[in-house]
Amino acid sequence: MIVVFTKFPINPEHKEDFAKYAKEKFGEKGLAEQEGFIKMNLLEPKEFPPGNQNNVFIIETYWESVEAFMKYTQSEAFRKSHENLPPKEWFAGRVSVEMYEVIKEIKR
């Protein structure tokens, strides 16, 4: 299983706007129907420790394999998910994507 983190650095004055946009739009263009897709989490930044500003939202997606994720990146669902993006001024930097393989999992 792999996990893909897409990180969105957001200007502090647009955090509420981006949170609203992300909750309404992310994952709504056929992601759940993709072969090999397991789940998605949308993570909103919180200050920790208190006073340490964090402005990076993260989409965390879980996939059965690298191949399943790569197939998704070539799909119509992926293309549609990247239409009508938020305004550039909302972003404090470049969006980044990181991929990890799960090598150990502990569940309750």
PDB file of N, CA and C in Angstrom:
ATOM      1  N   MET A   1       0.858  -1.178   0.000  1.00  0.00           N
ATOM      2  CA  MET A   1       0.000   0.000   0.000  1.00  0.00           C
ATOM      3  C   MET A   1       0.898   1.233   0.000  1.00  0.00           C
ATOM      4  N   ILE A   2       0.456   2.249  -0.741  1.00  0.00           N
ATOM      5  CA  ILE A   2       1.193   3.504  -0.752  1.00  0.00           C
ATOM      6  C   ILE A   2       0.299   4.642  -0.275  1.00  0.00           C
ATOM      7  N   VAL A   3       0.947   5.693   0.200  1.00  0.00           N
ATOM      8  CA  VAL A   3       0.250   6.900   0.636  1.00  0.00           C
ATOM      9  C   VAL A   3       0.845   8.057  -0.158  1.00  0.00           C
ATOM     10  N   VAL A   4      -0.038   8.894  -0.711  1.00  0.00           N
ATOM     11  CA  VAL A   4       0.394  10.067  -1.460  1.00  0.00           C
ATOM     12  C   VAL A   4      -0.067  11.300  -0.699  1.00  0.00           C
ATOM     13  N   PHE A   5       0.879  12.177  -0.400  1.00  0.00           N
ATOM     14  CA  PHE A   5       0.591  13.437   0.279  1.00  0.00           C
ATOM     15  C   PHE A   5       0.713  14.561  -0.740  1.00  0.00           C
ATOM     16  N   THR A   6      -0.354  15.305  -0.935  1.00  0.00           N
ATOM     17  CA  THR A   6      -0.316  16.508  -1.760  1.00  0.00           C
ATOM     18  C   THR A   6      -0.424  17.674  -0.798  1.00  0.00           C
ATOM     19  N   LYS A   7       0.620  18.516  -0.759  1.00  0.00           N
ATOM     20  CA  LYS A   7       0.724  19.581   0.235  1.00  0.00           C
ATOM     21  C   LYS A   7       0.482  20.940  -0.410  1.00  0.00           C
ATOM     22  N   PHE A   8      -0.402  21.705   0.217  1.00  0.00           N
ATOM     23  CA  PHE A   8      -0.814  23.010  -0.290  1.00  0.00           C
ATOM     24  C   PHE A   8      -0.434  24.097   0.714  1.00  0.00           C
ATOM     25  N   PRO A   9       0.660  24.840   0.495  1.00  0.00           N
ATOM     26  CA  PRO A   9       0.987  25.966   1.379  1.00  0.00           C
ATOM     27  C   PRO A   9       0.067  27.144   1.044  1.00  0.00           C
ATOM     28  N   ILE A  10      -0.708  27.578   2.018  1.00  0.00           N
ATOM     29  CA  ILE A  10      -1.742  28.588   1.802  1.00  0.00           C
ATOM     30  C   ILE A  10      -1.412  29.861   2.576  1.00  0.00           C
ATOM     31  N   ASN A  11      -1.616  31.006   1.920  1.00  0.00           N
ATOM     32  CA  ASN A  11      -1.442  32.284   2.605  1.00  0.00           C
ATOM     33  C   ASN A  11      -2.412  32.351   3.779  1.00  0.00           C
ATOM     34  N   PRO A  12      -1.934  32.771   4.954  1.00  0.00           N
ATOM     35  CA  PRO A  12      -2.772  32.771   6.159  1.00  0.00           C
ATOM     36  C   PRO A  12      -4.116  33.474   5.974  1.00  0.00           C
ATOM     37  N   GLU A  13      -4.145  34.555   5.206  1.00  0.00           N
ATOM     38  CA  GLU A  13      -5.407  35.281   5.032  1.00  0.00           C
ATOM     39  C   GLU A  13      -6.423  34.515   4.185  1.00  0.00           C
ATOM     40  N   HIS A  14      -5.998  33.415   3.560  1.00  0.00           N
ATOM     41  CA  HIS A  14      -6.905  32.624   2.722  1.00  0.00           C
ATOM     42  C   HIS A  14      -7.149  31.215   3.263  1.00  0.00           C
ATOM     43  N   LYS A  15      -6.727  30.941   4.499  1.00  0.00           N
ATOM     44  CA  LYS A  15      -6.904  29.601   5.059  1.00  0.00           C
ATOM     45  C   LYS A  15      -8.380  29.197   5.125  1.00  0.00           C
ATOM     46  N   GLU A  16      -9.256  30.092   5.563  1.00  0.00           N
ATOM     47  CA  GLU A  16     -10.687  29.759   5.652  1.00  0.00           C
ATOM     48  C   GLU A  16     -11.274  29.529   4.263  1.00  0.00           C
ATOM     49  N   ASP A  17     -10.897  30.377   3.297  1.00  0.00           N
ATOM     50  CA  ASP A  17     -11.377  30.210   1.921  1.00  0.00           C
ATOM     51  C   ASP A  17     -10.948  28.860   1.357  1.00  0.00           C
ATOM     52  N   PHE A  18      -9.675  28.520   1.566  1.00  0.00           N
ATOM     53  CA  PHE A  18      -9.158  27.270   1.023  1.00  0.00           C
ATOM     54  C   PHE A  18      -9.812  26.076   1.707  1.00  0.00           C
ATOM     55  N   ALA A  19     -10.002  26.147   3.020  1.00  0.00           N
ATOM     56  CA  ALA A  19     -10.642  25.044   3.747  1.00  0.00           C
ATOM     57  C   ALA A  19     -12.041  24.785   3.194  1.00  0.00           C
ATOM     58  N   LYS A  20     -12.799  25.831   2.979  1.00  0.00           N
ATOM     59  CA  LYS A  20     -14.152  25.694   2.431  1.00  0.00           C
ATOM     60  C   LYS A  20     -14.091  25.087   1.029  1.00  0.00           C
ATOM     61  N   TYR A  21     -13.229  25.610   0.186  1.00  0.00           N
ATOM     62  CA  TYR A  21     -13.072  25.108  -1.180  1.00  0.00           C
ATOM     63  C   TYR A  21     -12.685  23.625  -1.157  1.00  0.00           C
ATOM     64  N   ALA A  22     -11.679  23.293  -0.366  1.00  0.00           N
ATOM     65  CA  ALA A  22     -11.167  21.926  -0.322  1.00  0.00           C
ATOM     66  C   ALA A  22     -12.230  20.940   0.153  1.00  0.00           C
ATOM     67  N   LYS A  23     -12.991  21.306   1.179  1.00  0.00           N
ATOM     68  CA  LYS A  23     -14.039  20.409   1.681  1.00  0.00           C
ATOM     69  C   LYS A  23     -15.115  20.174   0.636  1.00  0.00           C
ATOM     70  N   GLU A  24     -15.423  21.185  -0.146  1.00  0.00           N
ATOM     71  CA  GLU A  24     -16.470  21.058  -1.167  1.00  0.00           C
ATOM     72  C   GLU A  24     -15.994  20.347  -2.431  1.00  0.00           C
ATOM     73  N   LYS A  25     -14.739  20.528  -2.813  1.00  0.00           N
ATOM     74  CA  LYS A  25     -14.274  20.096  -4.137  1.00  0.00           C
ATOM     75  C   LYS A  25     -13.375  18.863  -4.155  1.00  0.00           C
ATOM     76  N   PHE A  26     -12.470  18.736  -3.204  1.00  0.00           N
ATOM     77  CA  PHE A  26     -11.472  17.668  -3.286  1.00  0.00           C
ATOM     78  C   PHE A  26     -12.118  16.294  -3.103  1.00  0.00           C
ATOM     79  N   GLY A  27     -11.813  15.399  -4.008  1.00  0.00           N
ATOM     80  CA  GLY A  27     -12.312  14.031  -3.941  1.00  0.00           C
ATOM     81  C   GLY A  27     -13.695  13.843  -4.542  1.00  0.00           C
ATOM     82  N   GLU A  28     -14.259  14.888  -5.127  1.00  0.00           N
ATOM     83  CA  GLU A  28     -15.636  14.818  -5.614  1.00  0.00           C
ATOM     84  C   GLU A  28     -15.741  14.569  -7.118  1.00  0.00           C
ATOM     85  N   LYS A  29     -14.672  14.255  -7.795  1.00  0.00           N
ATOM     86  CA  LYS A  29     -14.697  14.085  -9.253  1.00  0.00           C
ATOM     87  C   LYS A  29     -14.419  12.645  -9.671  1.00  0.00           C
ATOM     88  N   GLY A  30     -14.848  11.671  -8.872  1.00  0.00           N
ATOM     89  CA  GLY A  30     -14.693  10.271  -9.239  1.00  0.00           C
ATOM     90  C   GLY A  30     -13.531   9.555  -8.597  1.00  0.00           C
ATOM     91  N   LEU A  31     -12.922  10.156  -7.617  1.00  0.00           N
ATOM     92  CA  LEU A  31     -11.779   9.526  -6.946  1.00  0.00           C
ATOM     93  C   LEU A  31     -12.153   8.168  -6.342  1.00  0.00           C
ATOM     94  N   ALA A  32     -13.270   8.108  -5.652  1.00  0.00           N
ATOM     95  CA  ALA A  32     -13.666   6.886  -4.946  1.00  0.00           C
ATOM     96  C   ALA A  32     -13.905   5.705  -5.885  1.00  0.00           C
ATOM     97  N   GLU A  33     -14.184   5.982  -7.154  1.00  0.00           N
ATOM     98  CA  GLU A  33     -14.454   4.917  -8.111  1.00  0.00           C
ATOM     99  C   GLU A  33     -13.192   4.386  -8.788  1.00  0.00           C
ATOM    100  N   GLN A  34     -12.049   4.964  -8.498  1.00  0.00           N
ATOM    101  CA  GLN A  34     -10.810   4.554  -9.160  1.00  0.00           C
ATOM    102  C   GLN A  34     -10.333   3.206  -8.641  1.00  0.00           C
ATOM    103  N   GLU A  35      -9.911   2.365  -9.581  1.00  0.00           N
ATOM    104  CA  GLU A  35      -9.392   1.054  -9.220  1.00  0.00           C
ATOM    105  C   GLU A  35      -8.136   1.215  -8.370  1.00  0.00           C
ATOM    106  N   GLY A  36      -8.086   0.527  -7.248  1.00  0.00           N
ATOM    107  CA  GLY A  36      -6.924   0.582  -6.374  1.00  0.00           C
ATOM    108  C   GLY A  36      -6.968   1.681  -5.329  1.00  0.00           C
ATOM    109  N   PHE A  37      -7.980   2.553  -5.400  1.00  0.00           N
ATOM    110  CA  PHE A  37      -8.120   3.621  -4.403  1.00  0.00           C
ATOM    111  C   PHE A  37      -8.647   3.017  -3.109  1.00  0.00           C
ATOM    112  N   ILE A  38      -8.087   3.448  -1.973  1.00  0.00           N
ATOM    113  CA  ILE A  38      -8.510   2.949  -0.670  1.00  0.00           C
ATOM    114  C   ILE A  38      -9.254   4.026   0.109  1.00  0.00           C
ATOM    115  N   LYS A  39      -8.615   5.182   0.311  1.00  0.00           N
ATOM    116  CA  LYS A  39      -9.280   6.260   1.040  1.00  0.00           C
ATOM    117  C   LYS A  39      -8.539   7.567   0.862  1.00  0.00           C
ATOM    118  N   MET A  40      -9.228   8.656   1.236  1.00  0.00           N
ATOM    119  CA  MET A  40      -8.649   9.993   1.199  1.00  0.00           C
ATOM    120  C   MET A  40      -8.955  10.699   2.515  1.00  0.00           C
ATOM    121  N   ASN A  41      -7.989  11.449   3.000  1.00  0.00           N
ATOM    122  CA  ASN A  41      -8.187  12.336   4.147  1.00  0.00           C
ATOM    123  C   ASN A  41      -7.766  13.735   3.730  1.00  0.00           C
ATOM    124  N   LEU A  42      -8.520  14.719   4.154  1.00  0.00           N
ATOM    125  CA  LEU A  42      -8.156  16.117   3.959  1.00  0.00           C
ATOM    126  C   LEU A  42      -7.733  16.641   5.319  1.00  0.00           C
ATOM    127  N   LEU A  43      -6.488  17.105   5.413  1.00  0.00           N
ATOM    128  CA  LEU A  43      -5.929  17.537   6.689  1.00  0.00           C
ATOM    129  C   LEU A  43      -5.802  19.057   6.715  1.00  0.00           C
ATOM    130  N   GLU A  44      -6.371  19.665   7.752  1.00  0.00           N
ATOM    131  CA  GLU A  44      -6.288  21.108   7.940  1.00  0.00           C
ATOM    132  C   GLU A  44      -5.191  21.405   8.959  1.00  0.00           C
ATOM    133  N   PRO A  45      -4.322  22.372   8.682  1.00  0.00           N
ATOM    134  CA  PRO A  45      -3.217  22.658   9.602  1.00  0.00           C
ATOM    135  C   PRO A  45      -3.692  23.253  10.922  1.00  0.00           C
ATOM    136  N   LYS A  46      -3.003  22.884  11.963  1.00  0.00           N
ATOM    137  CA  LYS A  46      -3.228  23.429  13.308  1.00  0.00           C
ATOM    138  C   LYS A  46      -1.894  23.902  13.863  1.00  0.00           C
ATOM    139  N   GLU A  47      -1.947  24.926  14.688  1.00  0.00           N
ATOM    140  CA  GLU A  47      -0.725  25.434  15.311  1.00  0.00           C
ATOM    141  C   GLU A  47      -0.267  24.466  16.394  1.00  0.00           C
ATOM    142  N   PHE A  48       0.978  24.025  16.287  1.00  0.00           N
ATOM    143  CA  PHE A  48       1.568  23.187  17.322  1.00  0.00           C
ATOM    144  C   PHE A  48       3.075  23.263  17.204  1.00  0.00           C
ATOM    145  N   PRO A  49       3.753  23.564  18.283  1.00  0.00           N
ATOM    146  CA  PRO A  49       3.185  24.027  19.549  1.00  0.00           C
ATOM    147  C   PRO A  49       2.468  25.362  19.349  1.00  0.00           C
ATOM    148  N   PRO A  50       1.646  25.744  20.332  1.00  0.00           N
ATOM    149  CA  PRO A  50       0.915  27.012  20.192  1.00  0.00           C
ATOM    150  C   PRO A  50       1.854  28.158  19.813  1.00  0.00           C
ATOM    151  N   GLY A  51       1.405  28.958  18.856  1.00  0.00           N
ATOM    152  CA  GLY A  51       2.211  30.075  18.374  1.00  0.00           C
ATOM    153  C   GLY A  51       3.053  29.734  17.158  1.00  0.00           C
ATOM    154  N   ASN A  52       3.184  28.441  16.838  1.00  0.00           N
ATOM    155  CA  ASN A  52       3.944  28.003  15.674  1.00  0.00           C
ATOM    156  C   ASN A  52       2.980  27.893  14.496  1.00  0.00           C
ATOM    157  N   GLN A  53       2.944  28.927  13.659  1.00  0.00           N
ATOM    158  CA  GLN A  53       1.979  28.978  12.566  1.00  0.00           C
ATOM    159  C   GLN A  53       2.230  27.875  11.549  1.00  0.00           C
ATOM    160  N   ASN A  54       1.176  27.190  11.179  1.00  0.00           N
ATOM    161  CA  ASN A  54       1.224  26.151  10.164  1.00  0.00           C
ATOM    162  C   ASN A  54       0.172  26.490   9.122  1.00  0.00           C
ATOM    163  N   ASN A  55       0.560  26.576   7.866  1.00  0.00           N
ATOM    164  CA  ASN A  55      -0.396  26.947   6.829  1.00  0.00           C
ATOM    165  C   ASN A  55      -0.416  25.946   5.681  1.00  0.00           C
ATOM    166  N   VAL A  56      -0.047  24.684   5.940  1.00  0.00           N
ATOM    167  CA  VAL A  56       0.001  23.678   4.887  1.00  0.00           C
ATOM    168  C   VAL A  56      -1.150  22.683   5.054  1.00  0.00           C
ATOM    169  N   PHE A  57      -2.082  22.725   4.109  1.00  0.00           N
ATOM    170  CA  PHE A  57      -3.148  21.731   4.030  1.00  0.00           C
ATOM    171  C   PHE A  57      -2.596  20.516   3.298  1.00  0.00           C
ATOM    172  N   ILE A  58      -3.095  19.328   3.628  1.00  0.00           N
ATOM    173  CA  ILE A  58      -2.601  18.104   2.994  1.00  0.00           C
ATOM    174  C   ILE A  58      -3.785  17.237   2.567  1.00  0.00           C
ATOM    175  N   ILE A  59      -3.703  16.732   1.346  1.00  0.00           N
ATOM    176  CA  ILE A  59      -4.594  15.656   0.919  1.00  0.00           C
ATOM    177  C   ILE A  59      -3.770  14.386   1.022  1.00  0.00           C
ATOM    178  N   GLU A  60      -4.296  13.429   1.758  1.00  0.00           N
ATOM    179  CA  GLU A  60      -3.630  12.160   1.981  1.00  0.00           C
ATOM    180  C   GLU A  60      -4.478  11.086   1.295  1.00  0.00           C
ATOM    181  N   THR A  61      -3.922  10.439   0.270  1.00  0.00           N
ATOM    182  CA  THR A  61      -4.662   9.367  -0.393  1.00  0.00           C
ATOM    183  C   THR A  61      -3.915   8.053  -0.244  1.00  0.00           C
ATOM    184  N   TYR A  62      -4.676   6.989  -0.076  1.00  0.00           N
ATOM    185  CA  TYR A  62      -4.133   5.642   0.081  1.00  0.00           C
ATOM    186  C   TYR A  62      -4.500   4.821  -1.149  1.00  0.00           C
ATOM    187  N   TRP A  63      -3.514   4.089  -1.662  1.00  0.00           N
ATOM    188  CA  TRP A  63      -3.676   3.303  -2.877  1.00  0.00           C
ATOM    189  C   TRP A  63      -3.116   1.900  -2.667  1.00  0.00           C
ATOM    190  N   GLU A  64      -3.684   0.935  -3.379  1.00  0.00           N
ATOM    191  CA  GLU A  64      -3.196  -0.440  -3.283  1.00  0.00           C
ATOM    192  C   GLU A  64      -1.774  -0.577  -3.818  1.00  0.00           C
ATOM    193  N   SER A  65      -1.420   0.262  -4.817  1.00  0.00           N
ATOM    194  CA  SER A  65      -0.094   0.147  -5.436  1.00  0.00           C
ATOM    195  C   SER A  65       0.286   1.453  -6.131  1.00  0.00           C
ATOM    196  N   VAL A  66       1.562   1.575  -6.459  1.00  0.00           N
ATOM    197  CA  VAL A  66       2.035   2.713  -7.244  1.00  0.00           C
ATOM    198  C   VAL A  66       1.324   2.717  -8.595  1.00  0.00           C
ATOM    199  N   GLU A  67       1.161   1.536  -9.179  1.00  0.00           N
ATOM    200  CA  GLU A  67       0.517   1.430 -10.483  1.00  0.00           C
ATOM    201  C   GLU A  67      -0.918   1.964 -10.446  1.00  0.00           C
ATOM    202  N   ALA A  68      -1.646   1.680  -9.375  1.00  0.00           N
ATOM    203  CA  ALA A  68      -3.027   2.177  -9.252  1.00  0.00           C
ATOM    204  C   ALA A  68      -3.036   3.702  -9.194  1.00  0.00           C
ATOM    205  N   PHE A  69      -2.108   4.283  -8.436  1.00  0.00           N
ATOM    206  CA  PHE A  69      -2.045   5.743  -8.364  1.00  0.00           C
ATOM    207  C   PHE A  69      -1.667   6.333  -9.725  1.00  0.00           C
ATOM    208  N   MET A  70      -0.685   5.754 -10.384  1.00  0.00           N
ATOM    209  CA  MET A  70      -0.259   6.273 -11.678  1.00  0.00           C
ATOM    210  C   MET A  70      -1.385   6.174 -12.709  1.00  0.00           C
ATOM    211  N   LYS A  71      -2.148   5.093 -12.660  1.00  0.00           N
ATOM    212  CA  LYS A  71      -3.292   4.955 -13.563  1.00  0.00           C
ATOM    213  C   LYS A  71      -4.300   6.074 -13.291  1.00  0.00           C
ATOM    214  N   TYR A  72      -4.519   6.388 -12.027  1.00  0.00           N
ATOM    215  CA  TYR A  72      -5.423   7.483 -11.672  1.00  0.00           C
ATOM    216  C   TYR A  72      -4.935   8.802 -12.269  1.00  0.00           C
ATOM    217  N   THR A  73      -3.625   9.052 -12.225  1.00  0.00           N
ATOM    218  CA  THR A  73      -3.095  10.328 -12.739  1.00  0.00           C
ATOM    219  C   THR A  73      -3.306  10.480 -14.245  1.00  0.00           C
ATOM    220  N   GLN A  74      -3.643   9.402 -14.918  1.00  0.00           N
ATOM    221  CA  GLN A  74      -3.896   9.447 -16.360  1.00  0.00           C
ATOM    222  C   GLN A  74      -5.392   9.365 -16.682  1.00  0.00           C
ATOM    223  N   SER A  75      -6.237   9.444 -15.652  1.00  0.00           N
ATOM    224  CA  SER A  75      -7.674   9.245 -15.836  1.00  0.00           C
ATOM    225  C   SER A  75      -8.429  10.556 -16.064  1.00  0.00           C
ATOM    226  N   GLU A  76      -9.651  10.416 -16.534  1.00  0.00           N
ATOM    227  CA  GLU A  76     -10.555  11.549 -16.696  1.00  0.00           C
ATOM    228  C   GLU A  76     -10.875  12.166 -15.329  1.00  0.00           C
ATOM    229  N   ALA A  77     -11.005  11.340 -14.300  1.00  0.00           N
ATOM    230  CA  ALA A  77     -11.277  11.841 -12.949  1.00  0.00           C
ATOM    231  C   ALA A  77     -10.159  12.763 -12.477  1.00  0.00           C
ATOM    232  N   PHE A  78      -8.920  12.395 -12.743  1.00  0.00           N
ATOM    233  CA  PHE A  78      -7.777  13.223 -12.357  1.00  0.00           C
ATOM    234  C   PHE A  78      -7.813  14.548 -13.112  1.00  0.00           C
ATOM    235  N   ARG A  79      -8.056  14.484 -14.421  1.00  0.00           N
ATOM    236  CA  ARG A  79      -8.111  15.701 -15.222  1.00  0.00           C
ATOM    237  C   ARG A  79      -9.204  16.631 -14.703  1.00  0.00           C
ATOM    238  N   LYS A  80     -10.374  16.083 -14.420  1.00  0.00           N
ATOM    239  CA  LYS A  80     -11.482  16.910 -13.913  1.00  0.00           C
ATOM    240  C   LYS A  80     -11.172  17.497 -12.547  1.00  0.00           C
ATOM    241  N   SER A  81     -10.428  16.750 -11.740  1.00  0.00           N
ATOM    242  CA  SER A  81     -10.112  17.245 -10.395  1.00  0.00           C
ATOM    243  C   SER A  81      -9.159  18.432 -10.425  1.00  0.00           C
ATOM    244  N   HIS A  82      -8.508  18.651 -11.549  1.00  0.00           N
ATOM    245  CA  HIS A  82      -7.558  19.750 -11.668  1.00  0.00           C
ATOM    246  C   HIS A  82      -8.077  20.913 -12.509  1.00  0.00           C
ATOM    247  N   GLU A  83      -9.374  20.923 -12.747  1.00  0.00           N
ATOM    248  CA  GLU A  83     -10.026  22.052 -13.415  1.00  0.00           C
ATOM    249  C   GLU A  83     -10.487  23.050 -12.354  1.00  0.00           C
ATOM    250  N   ASN A  84     -10.608  24.298 -12.736  1.00  0.00           N
ATOM    251  CA  ASN A  84     -11.149  25.340 -11.852  1.00  0.00           C
ATOM    252  C   ASN A  84     -10.453  25.371 -10.495  1.00  0.00           C
ATOM    253  N   LEU A  85      -9.153  25.504 -10.530  1.00  0.00           N
ATOM    254  CA  LEU A  85      -8.356  25.532  -9.305  1.00  0.00           C
ATOM    255  C   LEU A  85      -8.550  26.855  -8.557  1.00  0.00           C
ATOM    256  N   PRO A  86      -8.220  26.883  -7.262  1.00  0.00           N
ATOM    257  CA  PRO A  86      -8.335  28.130  -6.495  1.00  0.00           C
ATOM    258  C   PRO A  86      -7.427  29.215  -7.070  1.00  0.00           C
ATOM    259  N   PRO A  87      -7.712  30.478  -6.756  1.00  0.00           N
ATOM    260  CA  PRO A  87      -6.874  31.582  -7.240  1.00  0.00           C
ATOM    261  C   PRO A  87      -5.429  31.450  -6.766  1.00  0.00           C
ATOM    262  N   LYS A  88      -4.494  31.856  -7.623  1.00  0.00           N
ATOM    263  CA  LYS A  88      -3.063  31.756  -7.304  1.00  0.00           C
ATOM    264  C   LYS A  88      -2.682  32.522  -6.046  1.00  0.00           C
ATOM    265  N   GLU A  89      -3.378  33.637  -5.770  1.00  0.00           N
ATOM    266  CA  GLU A  89      -3.020  34.438  -4.593  1.00  0.00           C
ATOM    267  C   GLU A  89      -3.321  33.721  -3.265  1.00  0.00           C
ATOM    268  N   TRP A  90      -4.086  32.656  -3.305  1.00  0.00           N
ATOM    269  CA  TRP A  90      -4.330  31.878  -2.090  1.00  0.00           C
ATOM    270  C   TRP A  90      -3.081  31.122  -1.650  1.00  0.00           C
ATOM    271  N   PHE A  91      -2.173  30.840  -2.582  1.00  0.00           N
ATOM    272  CA  PHE A  91      -1.034  29.964  -2.309  1.00  0.00           C
ATOM    273  C   PHE A  91       0.188  30.745  -1.833  1.00  0.00           C
ATOM    274  N   ALA A  92       0.863  30.190  -0.827  1.00  0.00           N
ATOM    275  CA  ALA A  92       2.077  30.794  -0.278  1.00  0.00           C
ATOM    276  C   ALA A  92       3.331  30.167  -0.898  1.00  0.00           C
ATOM    277  N   GLY A  93       3.147  29.192  -1.749  1.00  0.00           N
ATOM    278  CA  GLY A  93       4.263  28.499  -2.386  1.00  0.00           C
ATOM    279  C   GLY A  93       3.728  27.456  -3.340  1.00  0.00           C
ATOM    280  N   ARG A  94       4.626  26.613  -3.819  1.00  0.00           N
ATOM    281  CA  ARG A  94       4.252  25.583  -4.781  1.00  0.00           C
ATOM    282  C   ARG A  94       3.633  24.377  -4.091  1.00  0.00           C
ATOM    283  N   VAL A  95       2.633  23.811  -4.738  1.00  0.00           N
ATOM    284  CA  VAL A  95       2.039  22.556  -4.280  1.00  0.00           C
ATOM    285  C   VAL A  95       3.072  21.457  -4.508  1.00  0.00           C
ATOM    286  N   SER A  96       3.211  20.555  -3.544  1.00  0.00           N
ATOM    287  CA  SER A  96       4.155  19.454  -3.698  1.00  0.00           C
ATOM    288  C   SER A  96       3.443  18.122  -3.489  1.00  0.00           C
ATOM    289  N   VAL A  97       3.998  17.078  -4.087  1.00  0.00           N
ATOM    290  CA  VAL A  97       3.437  15.729  -3.973  1.00  0.00           C
ATOM    291  C   VAL A  97       4.549  14.805  -3.492  1.00  0.00           C
ATOM    292  N   GLU A  98       4.226  14.007  -2.477  1.00  0.00           N
ATOM    293  CA  GLU A  98       5.176  13.037  -1.935  1.00  0.00           C
ATOM    294  C   GLU A  98       4.502  11.674  -1.874  1.00  0.00           C
ATOM    295  N   MET A  99       5.245  10.628  -2.165  1.00  0.00           N
ATOM    296  CA  MET A  99       4.712   9.271  -2.129  1.00  0.00           C
ATOM    297  C   MET A  99       5.526   8.431  -1.155  1.00  0.00           C
ATOM    298  N   TYR A 100       4.813   7.628  -0.368  1.00  0.00           N
ATOM    299  CA  TYR A 100       5.444   6.745   0.606  1.00  0.00           C
ATOM    300  C   TYR A 100       4.828   5.364   0.523  1.00  0.00           C
ATOM    301  N   GLU A 101       5.642   4.361   0.804  1.00  0.00           N
ATOM    302  CA  GLU A 101       5.130   3.007   0.913  1.00  0.00           C
ATOM    303  C   GLU A 101       4.916   2.685   2.385  1.00  0.00           C
ATOM    304  N   VAL A 102       3.786   2.103   2.708  1.00  0.00           N
ATOM    305  CA  VAL A 102       3.501   1.700   4.086  1.00  0.00           C
ATOM    306  C   VAL A 102       4.298   0.418   4.343  1.00  0.00           C
ATOM    307  N   ILE A 103       5.215   0.478   5.305  1.00  0.00           N
ATOM    308  CA  ILE A 103       6.016  -0.703   5.630  1.00  0.00           C
ATOM    309  C   ILE A 103       5.653  -1.287   7.000  1.00  0.00           C
ATOM    310  N   LYS A 104       4.829  -0.554   7.732  1.00  0.00           N
ATOM    311  CA  LYS A 104       4.323  -1.060   9.011  1.00  0.00           C
ATOM    312  C   LYS A 104       3.046  -0.290   9.328  1.00  0.00           C
ATOM    313  N   GLU A 105       2.040  -1.023   9.798  1.00  0.00           N
ATOM    314  CA  GLU A 105       0.776  -0.411  10.164  1.00  0.00           C
ATOM    315  C   GLU A 105       0.330  -0.978  11.503  1.00  0.00           C
ATOM    316  N   ILE A 106      -0.118  -0.096  12.380  1.00  0.00           N
ATOM    317  CA  ILE A 106      -0.654  -0.512  13.672  1.00  0.00           C
ATOM    318  C   ILE A 106      -2.075   0.024  13.754  1.00  0.00           C
ATOM    319  N   LYS A 107      -3.016  -0.845  14.036  1.00  0.00           N
ATOM    320  CA  LYS A 107      -4.413  -0.422  14.170  1.00  0.00           C
ATOM    321  C   LYS A 107      -4.907  -0.803  15.552  1.00  0.00           C
ATOM    322  N   ARG A 108      -5.904  -0.096  15.940  1.00  0.00           N
ATOM    323  CA  ARG A 108      -6.524  -0.397  17.231  1.00  0.00           C
ATOM    324  C   ARG A 108      -7.403  -1.588  17.104  1.00  0.00           C
TER     325      ARG A 108
END
